[in-house]
Amino acid sequence: MSEAKFTPGPWRVRFGNIGHVMAENGALVAKCQRLTGLCNLLANAHLIAAAPELYEALQRLVNVSAEIAPEAQAADVITSARAALAKARGETL
């Protein structure tokens, strides 16, 4: 499995420019457009800002689940989680 190559977190929604997601080093990670209203713009920005933490949590879940619950149902969950992680890394399974 490859390492994630995205800008390390944490990422934060910038309140001076609502909808901008910034990395700790000041890099602009994403700029959400106000296409469907302010509520959607803020929700999208917060979801994007949570991406590094979501990625890390999912990676930990995959690692732990593979060790403690290798049965078929858990395998489906692990497969889905691995696919989501690969998508986040720009890979295909």
N, C-alpha and C. Protein backbone atom coordinates (compact mmCIF):
# COMPACT_ATOMS: atom_id res chain seq x y z
N MET A 1 0.85 -1.17 0.00
CA MET A 1 0.00 0.00 0.00
C MET A 1 0.90 1.23 0.00
N SER A 2 0.58 2.22 -0.84
CA SER A 2 1.38 3.44 -0.89
C SER A 2 0.99 4.41 0.21
N GLU A 3 1.89 5.34 0.38
CA GLU A 3 1.65 6.42 1.34
C GLU A 3 0.77 7.49 0.69
N ALA A 4 -0.01 8.15 1.51
CA ALA A 4 -0.80 9.28 1.02
C ALA A 4 0.14 10.42 0.68
N LYS A 5 -0.13 11.11 -0.42
CA LYS A 5 0.75 12.19 -0.87
C LYS A 5 0.07 13.54 -0.85
N PHE A 6 -1.01 13.65 -0.07
CA PHE A 6 -1.70 14.93 -0.01
C PHE A 6 -1.05 15.84 1.02
N THR A 7 -1.42 17.11 0.97
CA THR A 7 -0.91 18.09 1.94
C THR A 7 -1.29 17.65 3.34
N PRO A 8 -0.31 17.52 4.23
CA PRO A 8 -0.64 17.05 5.58
C PRO A 8 -1.58 18.00 6.30
N GLY A 9 -2.41 17.41 7.16
CA GLY A 9 -3.35 18.20 7.97
C GLY A 9 -2.66 18.73 9.20
N PRO A 10 -3.37 19.41 10.02
CA PRO A 10 -4.80 19.67 9.90
C PRO A 10 -5.09 20.75 8.88
N TRP A 11 -6.29 20.66 8.32
CA TRP A 11 -6.81 21.67 7.42
C TRP A 11 -7.91 22.41 8.15
N ARG A 12 -8.09 23.66 7.84
CA ARG A 12 -9.10 24.49 8.51
C ARG A 12 -9.87 25.30 7.47
N VAL A 13 -11.14 25.55 7.78
CA VAL A 13 -11.94 26.45 6.96
C VAL A 13 -11.51 27.86 7.33
N ARG A 14 -11.22 28.64 6.33
CA ARG A 14 -10.79 30.02 6.55
C ARG A 14 -12.02 30.91 6.61
N PHE A 15 -12.17 31.63 7.68
CA PHE A 15 -13.38 32.43 7.86
C PHE A 15 -13.30 33.79 7.18
N GLY A 16 -12.10 34.25 6.85
CA GLY A 16 -11.99 35.50 6.10
C GLY A 16 -12.55 35.35 4.70
N ASN A 17 -12.32 34.20 4.10
CA ASN A 17 -12.87 33.84 2.79
C ASN A 17 -13.65 32.56 3.00
N ILE A 18 -14.92 32.67 3.30
CA ILE A 18 -15.74 31.50 3.59
C ILE A 18 -15.67 30.54 2.41
N GLY A 19 -15.38 29.29 2.72
CA GLY A 19 -15.28 28.28 1.68
C GLY A 19 -13.85 27.93 1.30
N HIS A 20 -12.88 28.70 1.79
CA HIS A 20 -11.49 28.36 1.54
C HIS A 20 -11.02 27.40 2.62
N VAL A 21 -10.34 26.35 2.21
CA VAL A 21 -9.76 25.38 3.14
C VAL A 21 -8.25 25.53 3.05
N MET A 22 -7.65 25.81 4.21
CA MET A 22 -6.22 26.11 4.26
C MET A 22 -5.48 25.06 5.08
N ALA A 23 -4.24 24.76 4.67
CA ALA A 23 -3.36 23.90 5.46
C ALA A 23 -2.67 24.76 6.51
N GLU A 24 -2.07 24.09 7.48
CA GLU A 24 -1.38 24.83 8.54
C GLU A 24 -0.27 25.72 8.01
N ASN A 25 0.36 25.32 6.89
CA ASN A 25 1.45 26.12 6.34
C ASN A 25 0.94 27.29 5.50
N GLY A 26 -0.38 27.48 5.46
CA GLY A 26 -0.98 28.59 4.72
C GLY A 26 -1.36 28.27 3.29
N ALA A 27 -1.07 27.06 2.84
CA ALA A 27 -1.41 26.67 1.47
C ALA A 27 -2.93 26.54 1.32
N LEU A 28 -3.44 27.03 0.20
CA LEU A 28 -4.85 26.87 -0.12
C LEU A 28 -5.05 25.45 -0.63
N VAL A 29 -5.83 24.65 0.10
CA VAL A 29 -6.07 23.26 -0.26
C VAL A 29 -7.29 23.16 -1.18
N ALA A 30 -8.33 23.94 -0.89
CA ALA A 30 -9.55 23.89 -1.69
C ALA A 30 -10.28 25.22 -1.60
N LYS A 31 -11.03 25.50 -2.65
CA LYS A 31 -11.86 26.70 -2.67
C LYS A 31 -13.24 26.26 -3.13
N CYS A 32 -14.16 26.20 -2.20
CA CYS A 32 -15.53 25.79 -2.52
C CYS A 32 -16.27 26.98 -3.13
N GLN A 33 -17.03 26.71 -4.16
CA GLN A 33 -17.80 27.75 -4.83
C GLN A 33 -19.22 27.78 -4.28
N ARG A 34 -19.81 28.92 -4.30
CA ARG A 34 -21.18 29.10 -3.79
C ARG A 34 -22.18 28.83 -4.93
N LEU A 35 -22.30 27.53 -5.27
CA LEU A 35 -23.17 27.14 -6.36
C LEU A 35 -24.58 26.81 -5.89
N THR A 36 -24.69 26.27 -4.68
CA THR A 36 -26.00 25.81 -4.20
C THR A 36 -26.37 26.45 -2.87
N GLY A 37 -25.77 27.55 -2.54
CA GLY A 37 -26.12 28.25 -1.32
C GLY A 37 -25.01 28.22 -0.29
N LEU A 38 -25.07 29.16 0.63
CA LEU A 38 -24.05 29.31 1.65
C LEU A 38 -23.94 28.10 2.56
N CYS A 39 -25.08 27.48 2.92
CA CYS A 39 -25.05 26.31 3.80
C CYS A 39 -24.27 25.17 3.16
N ASN A 40 -24.51 24.90 1.87
CA ASN A 40 -23.77 23.84 1.19
C ASN A 40 -22.30 24.19 1.07
N LEU A 41 -22.00 25.44 0.80
CA LEU A 41 -20.61 25.86 0.68
C LEU A 41 -19.87 25.58 1.98
N LEU A 42 -20.44 25.97 3.10
CA LEU A 42 -19.79 25.74 4.40
C LEU A 42 -19.70 24.26 4.72
N ALA A 43 -20.75 23.51 4.44
CA ALA A 43 -20.73 22.06 4.70
C ALA A 43 -19.66 21.39 3.86
N ASN A 44 -19.54 21.76 2.59
CA ASN A 44 -18.51 21.19 1.73
C ASN A 44 -17.12 21.55 2.23
N ALA A 45 -16.93 22.79 2.62
CA ALA A 45 -15.63 23.23 3.13
C ALA A 45 -15.25 22.47 4.40
N HIS A 46 -16.21 22.27 5.30
CA HIS A 46 -15.91 21.54 6.53
C HIS A 46 -15.60 20.07 6.24
N LEU A 47 -16.30 19.47 5.30
CA LEU A 47 -16.03 18.08 4.93
C LEU A 47 -14.63 17.96 4.34
N ILE A 48 -14.26 18.87 3.46
CA ILE A 48 -12.92 18.85 2.87
C ILE A 48 -11.87 19.08 3.95
N ALA A 49 -12.11 20.00 4.85
CA ALA A 49 -11.15 20.28 5.93
C ALA A 49 -10.94 19.07 6.82
N ALA A 50 -11.94 18.21 6.95
CA ALA A 50 -11.83 17.01 7.79
C ALA A 50 -11.14 15.86 7.07
N ALA A 51 -10.85 16.00 5.80
CA ALA A 51 -10.31 14.90 5.01
C ALA A 51 -9.05 14.24 5.61
N PRO A 52 -8.05 14.97 6.06
CA PRO A 52 -6.88 14.29 6.63
C PRO A 52 -7.22 13.43 7.84
N GLU A 53 -8.08 13.95 8.72
CA GLU A 53 -8.47 13.19 9.91
C GLU A 53 -9.33 11.99 9.53
N LEU A 54 -10.23 12.15 8.56
CA LEU A 54 -11.05 11.04 8.10
C LEU A 54 -10.17 9.95 7.48
N TYR A 55 -9.20 10.36 6.70
CA TYR A 55 -8.28 9.41 6.07
C TYR A 55 -7.53 8.62 7.14
N GLU A 56 -6.99 9.31 8.12
CA GLU A 56 -6.24 8.65 9.19
C GLU A 56 -7.12 7.69 9.99
N ALA A 57 -8.33 8.11 10.32
CA ALA A 57 -9.25 7.25 11.08
C ALA A 57 -9.61 6.01 10.28
N LEU A 58 -9.86 6.17 8.99
CA LEU A 58 -10.20 5.03 8.15
C LEU A 58 -9.02 4.08 8.02
N GLN A 59 -7.82 4.63 7.89
CA GLN A 59 -6.62 3.79 7.80
C GLN A 59 -6.44 2.98 9.09
N ARG A 60 -6.64 3.60 10.23
CA ARG A 60 -6.53 2.89 11.51
C ARG A 60 -7.61 1.82 11.63
N LEU A 61 -8.83 2.12 11.18
CA LEU A 61 -9.92 1.15 11.21
C LEU A 61 -9.59 -0.07 10.36
N VAL A 62 -9.06 0.14 9.18
CA VAL A 62 -8.66 -0.97 8.31
C VAL A 62 -7.61 -1.82 8.99
N ASN A 63 -6.61 -1.19 9.56
CA ASN A 63 -5.52 -1.93 10.20
C ASN A 63 -6.03 -2.78 11.37
N VAL A 64 -6.84 -2.19 12.22
CA VAL A 64 -7.35 -2.90 13.40
C VAL A 64 -8.34 -3.99 12.99
N SER A 65 -9.25 -3.67 12.07
CA SER A 65 -10.27 -4.62 11.65
C SER A 65 -9.66 -5.85 10.99
N ALA A 66 -8.64 -5.66 10.22
CA ALA A 66 -7.99 -6.78 9.55
C ALA A 66 -7.38 -7.74 10.56
N GLU A 67 -6.96 -7.23 11.69
CA GLU A 67 -6.35 -8.06 12.72
C GLU A 67 -7.37 -8.77 13.60
N ILE A 68 -8.46 -8.07 13.98
CA ILE A 68 -9.35 -8.64 15.00
C ILE A 68 -10.63 -9.26 14.45
N ALA A 69 -11.01 -8.94 13.22
CA ALA A 69 -12.27 -9.46 12.70
C ALA A 69 -12.13 -9.82 11.22
N PRO A 70 -11.43 -10.90 10.92
CA PRO A 70 -11.21 -11.24 9.51
C PRO A 70 -12.37 -11.97 8.82
N GLU A 71 -13.53 -12.13 9.51
CA GLU A 71 -14.63 -12.85 8.88
C GLU A 71 -15.21 -12.10 7.68
N ALA A 72 -16.11 -12.75 6.96
CA ALA A 72 -16.59 -12.26 5.67
C ALA A 72 -17.21 -10.86 5.73
N GLN A 73 -18.07 -10.60 6.71
CA GLN A 73 -18.72 -9.28 6.78
C GLN A 73 -17.69 -8.19 7.01
N ALA A 74 -16.77 -8.46 7.92
CA ALA A 74 -15.70 -7.49 8.16
C ALA A 74 -14.85 -7.32 6.91
N ALA A 75 -14.66 -8.40 6.17
CA ALA A 75 -13.87 -8.33 4.94
C ALA A 75 -14.50 -7.37 3.94
N ASP A 76 -15.84 -7.36 3.84
CA ASP A 76 -16.52 -6.43 2.94
C ASP A 76 -16.30 -4.99 3.37
N VAL A 77 -16.38 -4.74 4.66
CA VAL A 77 -16.14 -3.40 5.19
C VAL A 77 -14.70 -2.98 4.92
N ILE A 78 -13.78 -3.89 5.17
CA ILE A 78 -12.37 -3.60 4.95
C ILE A 78 -12.11 -3.33 3.47
N THR A 79 -12.73 -4.12 2.59
CA THR A 79 -12.56 -3.91 1.15
C THR A 79 -13.07 -2.53 0.74
N SER A 80 -14.23 -2.14 1.26
CA SER A 80 -14.78 -0.81 0.95
C SER A 80 -13.87 0.29 1.48
N ALA A 81 -13.38 0.11 2.69
CA ALA A 81 -12.49 1.12 3.29
C ALA A 81 -11.20 1.22 2.50
N ARG A 82 -10.64 0.09 2.10
CA ARG A 82 -9.40 0.10 1.30
C ARG A 82 -9.64 0.79 -0.04
N ALA A 83 -10.80 0.56 -0.64
CA ALA A 83 -11.11 1.20 -1.91
C ALA A 83 -11.21 2.72 -1.74
N ALA A 84 -11.82 3.17 -0.64
CA ALA A 84 -11.93 4.60 -0.38
C ALA A 84 -10.56 5.22 -0.14
N LEU A 85 -9.70 4.51 0.59
CA LEU A 85 -8.35 5.00 0.84
C LEU A 85 -7.55 5.07 -0.46
N ALA A 86 -7.68 4.04 -1.31
CA ALA A 86 -6.98 4.04 -2.59
C ALA A 86 -7.46 5.19 -3.46
N LYS A 87 -8.77 5.46 -3.44
CA LYS A 87 -9.31 6.58 -4.21
C LYS A 87 -8.74 7.89 -3.71
N ALA A 88 -8.62 8.02 -2.39
CA ALA A 88 -8.04 9.25 -1.81
C ALA A 88 -6.58 9.43 -2.21
N ARG A 89 -5.88 8.31 -2.43
CA ARG A 89 -4.48 8.38 -2.86
C ARG A 89 -4.33 8.50 -4.37
N GLY A 90 -5.47 8.43 -5.09
CA GLY A 90 -5.42 8.52 -6.54
C GLY A 90 -5.07 7.20 -7.20
N GLU A 91 -5.29 6.10 -6.50
CA GLU A 91 -4.97 4.77 -7.01
C GLU A 91 -6.27 4.05 -7.35
N THR A 92 -6.13 2.90 -7.99
CA THR A 92 -7.28 2.02 -8.19
C THR A 92 -6.94 0.67 -7.61
N LEU A 93 -7.97 -0.02 -7.11
CA LEU A 93 -7.76 -1.38 -6.58
C LEU A 93 -8.05 -2.39 -7.65
